[in-house]
Amino acid sequence: MGGRLLPADLRSDPELQAMAESAATNPQHWPYVPRSSAAPKQGAVFVPLH
């Protein structure tokens, strides 16, 4: 159908960003926005506070 994955923007969460950049935790090479990107952040990772 011609679909493609959009890169995940994980720059607001340093731990998730590091996991995306690591070959050990991202062996499928899912696309992500590099931390050095100048593009505006598309959203923050929401973590509910209890």
PDB file of N, CA and C in Angstrom:
ATOM      1  N   MET A   1       0.804  -1.196   0.000  1.00  0.00           N
ATOM      2  CA  MET A   1       0.000   0.000   0.000  1.00  0.00           C
ATOM      3  C   MET A   1       0.850   1.264   0.000  1.00  0.00           C
ATOM      4  N   GLY A   2       2.147   1.128   0.125  1.00  0.00           N
ATOM      5  CA  GLY A   2       3.008   2.302   0.053  1.00  0.00           C
ATOM      6  C   GLY A   2       3.176   3.029   1.370  1.00  0.00           C
ATOM      7  N   GLY A   3       2.765   2.436   2.490  1.00  0.00           N
ATOM      8  CA  GLY A   3       2.911   3.103   3.776  1.00  0.00           C
ATOM      9  C   GLY A   3       4.364   3.111   4.229  1.00  0.00           C
ATOM     10  N   ARG A   4       4.675   4.040   5.088  1.00  0.00           N
ATOM     11  CA  ARG A   4       6.024   4.088   5.642  1.00  0.00           C
ATOM     12  C   ARG A   4       5.940   4.526   7.087  1.00  0.00           C
ATOM     13  N   LEU A   5       6.944   4.157   7.845  1.00  0.00           N
ATOM     14  CA  LEU A   5       6.984   4.533   9.248  1.00  0.00           C
ATOM     15  C   LEU A   5       7.491   5.962   9.392  1.00  0.00           C
ATOM     16  N   LEU A   6       6.842   6.720  10.262  1.00  0.00           N
ATOM     17  CA  LEU A   6       7.336   8.045  10.595  1.00  0.00           C
ATOM     18  C   LEU A   6       8.380   7.895  11.697  1.00  0.00           C
ATOM     19  N   PRO A   7       9.444   8.656  11.649  1.00  0.00           N
ATOM     20  CA  PRO A   7      10.458   8.539  12.700  1.00  0.00           C
ATOM     21  C   PRO A   7       9.910   8.999  14.046  1.00  0.00           C
ATOM     22  N   ALA A   8      10.202   8.248  15.089  1.00  0.00           N
ATOM     23  CA  ALA A   8       9.780   8.605  16.440  1.00  0.00           C
ATOM     24  C   ALA A   8      10.628   9.775  16.930  1.00  0.00           C
ATOM     25  N   ASP A   9       9.964  10.767  17.527  1.00  0.00           N
ATOM     26  CA  ASP A   9      10.679  11.913  18.091  1.00  0.00           C
ATOM     27  C   ASP A   9      10.784  11.695  19.594  1.00  0.00           C
ATOM     28  N   LEU A  10      11.917  11.175  20.036  1.00  0.00           N
ATOM     29  CA  LEU A  10      12.129  10.823  21.437  1.00  0.00           C
ATOM     30  C   LEU A  10      13.068  11.786  22.144  1.00  0.00           C
ATOM     31  N   ARG A  11      13.340  12.930  21.531  1.00  0.00           N
ATOM     32  CA  ARG A  11      14.329  13.858  22.086  1.00  0.00           C
ATOM     33  C   ARG A  11      13.937  14.415  23.444  1.00  0.00           C
ATOM     34  N   SER A  12      12.659  14.364  23.814  1.00  0.00           N
ATOM     35  CA  SER A  12      12.251  14.900  25.111  1.00  0.00           C
ATOM     36  C   SER A  12      12.541  13.921  26.254  1.00  0.00           C
ATOM     37  N   ASP A  13      12.893  12.672  25.921  1.00  0.00           N
ATOM     38  CA  ASP A  13      13.216  11.679  26.947  1.00  0.00           C
ATOM     39  C   ASP A  13      14.595  11.095  26.641  1.00  0.00           C
ATOM     40  N   PRO A  14      15.620  11.502  27.390  1.00  0.00           N
ATOM     41  CA  PRO A  14      16.990  11.050  27.104  1.00  0.00           C
ATOM     42  C   PRO A  14      17.159   9.532  27.146  1.00  0.00           C
ATOM     43  N   GLU A  15      16.448   8.847  28.038  1.00  0.00           N
ATOM     44  CA  GLU A  15      16.592   7.389  28.127  1.00  0.00           C
ATOM     45  C   GLU A  15      16.034   6.697  26.883  1.00  0.00           C
ATOM     46  N   LEU A  16      14.861   7.110  26.429  1.00  0.00           N
ATOM     47  CA  LEU A  16      14.285   6.520  25.225  1.00  0.00           C
ATOM     48  C   LEU A  16      15.117   6.863  23.998  1.00  0.00           C
ATOM     49  N   GLN A  17      15.659   8.076  23.950  1.00  0.00           N
ATOM     50  CA  GLN A  17      16.504   8.481  22.828  1.00  0.00           C
ATOM     51  C   GLN A  17      17.741   7.587  22.762  1.00  0.00           C
ATOM     52  N   ALA A  18      18.349   7.325  23.915  1.00  0.00           N
ATOM     53  CA  ALA A  18      19.536   6.467  23.950  1.00  0.00           C
ATOM     54  C   ALA A  18      19.189   5.045  23.511  1.00  0.00           C
ATOM     55  N   MET A  19      18.009   4.557  23.890  1.00  0.00           N
ATOM     56  CA  MET A  19      17.590   3.218  23.480  1.00  0.00           C
ATOM     57  C   MET A  19      17.383   3.152  21.968  1.00  0.00           C
ATOM     58  N   ALA A  20      16.822   4.194  21.383  1.00  0.00           N
ATOM     59  CA  ALA A  20      16.596   4.217  19.937  1.00  0.00           C
ATOM     60  C   ALA A  20      17.919   4.244  19.178  1.00  0.00           C
ATOM     61  N   GLU A  21      18.914   4.913  19.735  1.00  0.00           N
ATOM     62  CA  GLU A  21      20.211   5.044  19.074  1.00  0.00           C
ATOM     63  C   GLU A  21      21.088   3.801  19.238  1.00  0.00           C
ATOM     64  N   SER A  22      20.774   2.947  20.201  1.00  0.00           N
ATOM     65  CA  SER A  22      21.586   1.771  20.483  1.00  0.00           C
ATOM     66  C   SER A  22      21.201   0.607  19.580  1.00  0.00           C
ATOM     67  N   ALA A  23      22.184  -0.026  18.981  1.00  0.00           N
ATOM     68  CA  ALA A  23      21.926  -1.191  18.135  1.00  0.00           C
ATOM     69  C   ALA A  23      21.459  -2.386  18.964  1.00  0.00           C
ATOM     70  N   ALA A  24      21.812  -2.409  20.240  1.00  0.00           N
ATOM     71  CA  ALA A  24      21.401  -3.515  21.106  1.00  0.00           C
ATOM     72  C   ALA A  24      19.912  -3.460  21.436  1.00  0.00           C
ATOM     73  N   THR A  25      19.366  -2.260  21.604  1.00  0.00           N
ATOM     74  CA  THR A  25      17.946  -2.131  21.956  1.00  0.00           C
ATOM     75  C   THR A  25      17.070  -1.773  20.768  1.00  0.00           C
ATOM     76  N   ASN A  26      17.655  -1.477  19.630  1.00  0.00           N
ATOM     77  CA  ASN A  26      16.902  -1.166  18.417  1.00  0.00           C
ATOM     78  C   ASN A  26      17.476  -1.979  17.254  1.00  0.00           C
ATOM     79  N   PRO A  27      17.463  -3.321  17.361  1.00  0.00           N
ATOM     80  CA  PRO A  27      18.082  -4.142  16.309  1.00  0.00           C
ATOM     81  C   PRO A  27      17.331  -4.091  14.978  1.00  0.00           C
ATOM     82  N   GLN A  28      16.053  -3.691  14.997  1.00  0.00           N
ATOM     83  CA  GLN A  28      15.281  -3.592  13.754  1.00  0.00           C
ATOM     84  C   GLN A  28      15.537  -2.262  13.038  1.00  0.00           C
ATOM     85  N   HIS A  29      16.288  -1.372  13.671  1.00  0.00           N
ATOM     86  CA  HIS A  29      16.617  -0.051  13.111  1.00  0.00           C
ATOM     87  C   HIS A  29      15.361   0.756  12.822  1.00  0.00           C
ATOM     88  N   TRP A  30      14.433   0.795  13.810  1.00  0.00           N
ATOM     89  CA  TRP A  30      13.241   1.612  13.660  1.00  0.00           C
ATOM     90  C   TRP A  30      13.679   3.065  13.505  1.00  0.00           C
ATOM     91  N   PRO A  31      13.010   3.827  12.655  1.00  0.00           N
ATOM     92  CA  PRO A  31      13.424   5.209  12.429  1.00  0.00           C
ATOM     93  C   PRO A  31      13.158   6.096  13.647  1.00  0.00           C
ATOM     94  N   TYR A  32      14.076   7.017  13.890  1.00  0.00           N
ATOM     95  CA  TYR A  32      13.927   7.977  14.980  1.00  0.00           C
ATOM     96  C   TYR A  32      14.557   9.297  14.551  1.00  0.00           C
ATOM     97  N   VAL A  33      14.169  10.366  15.222  1.00  0.00           N
ATOM     98  CA  VAL A  33      14.740  11.688  14.964  1.00  0.00           C
ATOM     99  C   VAL A  33      16.039  11.781  15.752  1.00  0.00           C
ATOM    100  N   PRO A  34      17.163  12.060  15.093  1.00  0.00           N
ATOM    101  CA  PRO A  34      18.438  12.157  15.812  1.00  0.00           C
ATOM    102  C   PRO A  34      18.424  13.307  16.826  1.00  0.00           C
ATOM    103  N   ARG A  35      19.155  13.123  17.911  1.00  0.00           N
ATOM    104  CA  ARG A  35      19.165  14.160  18.961  1.00  0.00           C
ATOM    105  C   ARG A  35      19.771  15.465  18.470  1.00  0.00           C
ATOM    106  N   SER A  36      20.546  15.432  17.404  1.00  0.00           N
ATOM    107  CA  SER A  36      21.159  16.652  16.878  1.00  0.00           C
ATOM    108  C   SER A  36      20.255  17.373  15.871  1.00  0.00           C
ATOM    109  N   SER A  37      19.049  16.873  15.652  1.00  0.00           N
ATOM    110  CA  SER A  37      18.139  17.471  14.680  1.00  0.00           C
ATOM    111  C   SER A  37      17.682  18.857  15.126  1.00  0.00           C
ATOM    112  N   ALA A  38      17.590  19.772  14.177  1.00  0.00           N
ATOM    113  CA  ALA A  38      17.123  21.119  14.469  1.00  0.00           C
ATOM    114  C   ALA A  38      15.613  21.254  14.261  1.00  0.00           C
ATOM    115  N   ALA A  39      14.960  20.171  13.860  1.00  0.00           N
ATOM    116  CA  ALA A  39      13.511  20.205  13.651  1.00  0.00           C
ATOM    117  C   ALA A  39      12.803  20.441  14.979  1.00  0.00           C
ATOM    118  N   PRO A  40      11.683  21.158  14.957  1.00  0.00           N
ATOM    119  CA  PRO A  40      10.942  21.358  16.209  1.00  0.00           C
ATOM    120  C   PRO A  40      10.431  20.026  16.744  1.00  0.00           C
ATOM    121  N   LYS A  41      10.397  19.908  18.052  1.00  0.00           N
ATOM    122  CA  LYS A  41       9.915  18.672  18.665  1.00  0.00           C
ATOM    123  C   LYS A  41       8.437  18.504  18.358  1.00  0.00           C
ATOM    124  N   GLN A  42       8.057  17.274  18.011  1.00  0.00           N
ATOM    125  CA  GLN A  42       6.683  16.991  17.618  1.00  0.00           C
ATOM    126  C   GLN A  42       5.787  16.674  18.801  1.00  0.00           C
ATOM    127  N   GLY A  43       6.346  16.398  19.923  1.00  0.00           N
ATOM    128  CA  GLY A  43       5.557  16.079  21.106  1.00  0.00           C
ATOM    129  C   GLY A  43       6.456  15.559  22.200  1.00  0.00           C
ATOM    130  N   ALA A  44       5.975  15.652  23.404  1.00  0.00           N
ATOM    131  CA  ALA A  44       6.755  15.171  24.538  1.00  0.00           C
ATOM    132  C   ALA A  44       6.252  13.796  24.929  1.00  0.00           C
ATOM    133  N   VAL A  45       7.126  13.022  25.531  1.00  0.00           N
ATOM    134  CA  VAL A  45       6.735  11.723  26.048  1.00  0.00           C
ATOM    135  C   VAL A  45       5.945  11.980  27.321  1.00  0.00           C
ATOM    136  N   PHE A  46       4.714  11.505  27.370  1.00  0.00           N
ATOM    137  CA  PHE A  46       3.835  11.740  28.507  1.00  0.00           C
ATOM    138  C   PHE A  46       4.055  10.668  29.555  1.00  0.00           C
ATOM    139  N   VAL A  47       4.383  11.093  30.752  1.00  0.00           N
ATOM    140  CA  VAL A  47       4.526  10.173  31.874  1.00  0.00           C
ATOM    141  C   VAL A  47       3.593  10.685  32.964  1.00  0.00           C
ATOM    142  N   PRO A  48       2.528   9.924  33.275  1.00  0.00           N
ATOM    143  CA  PRO A  48       1.591  10.390  34.303  1.00  0.00           C
ATOM    144  C   PRO A  48       2.247  10.404  35.688  1.00  0.00           C
ATOM    145  N   LEU A  49       1.924  11.389  36.448  1.00  0.00           N
ATOM    146  CA  LEU A  49       2.422  11.504  37.815  1.00  0.00           C
ATOM    147  C   LEU A  49       1.328  11.060  38.766  1.00  0.00           C
ATOM    148  N   HIS A  50       1.679  10.218  39.715  1.00  0.00           N
ATOM    149  CA  HIS A  50       0.674   9.739  40.673  1.00  0.00           C
ATOM    150  C   HIS A  50       0.900  10.392  42.006  1.00  0.00           C
TER     151      HIS A  50
END
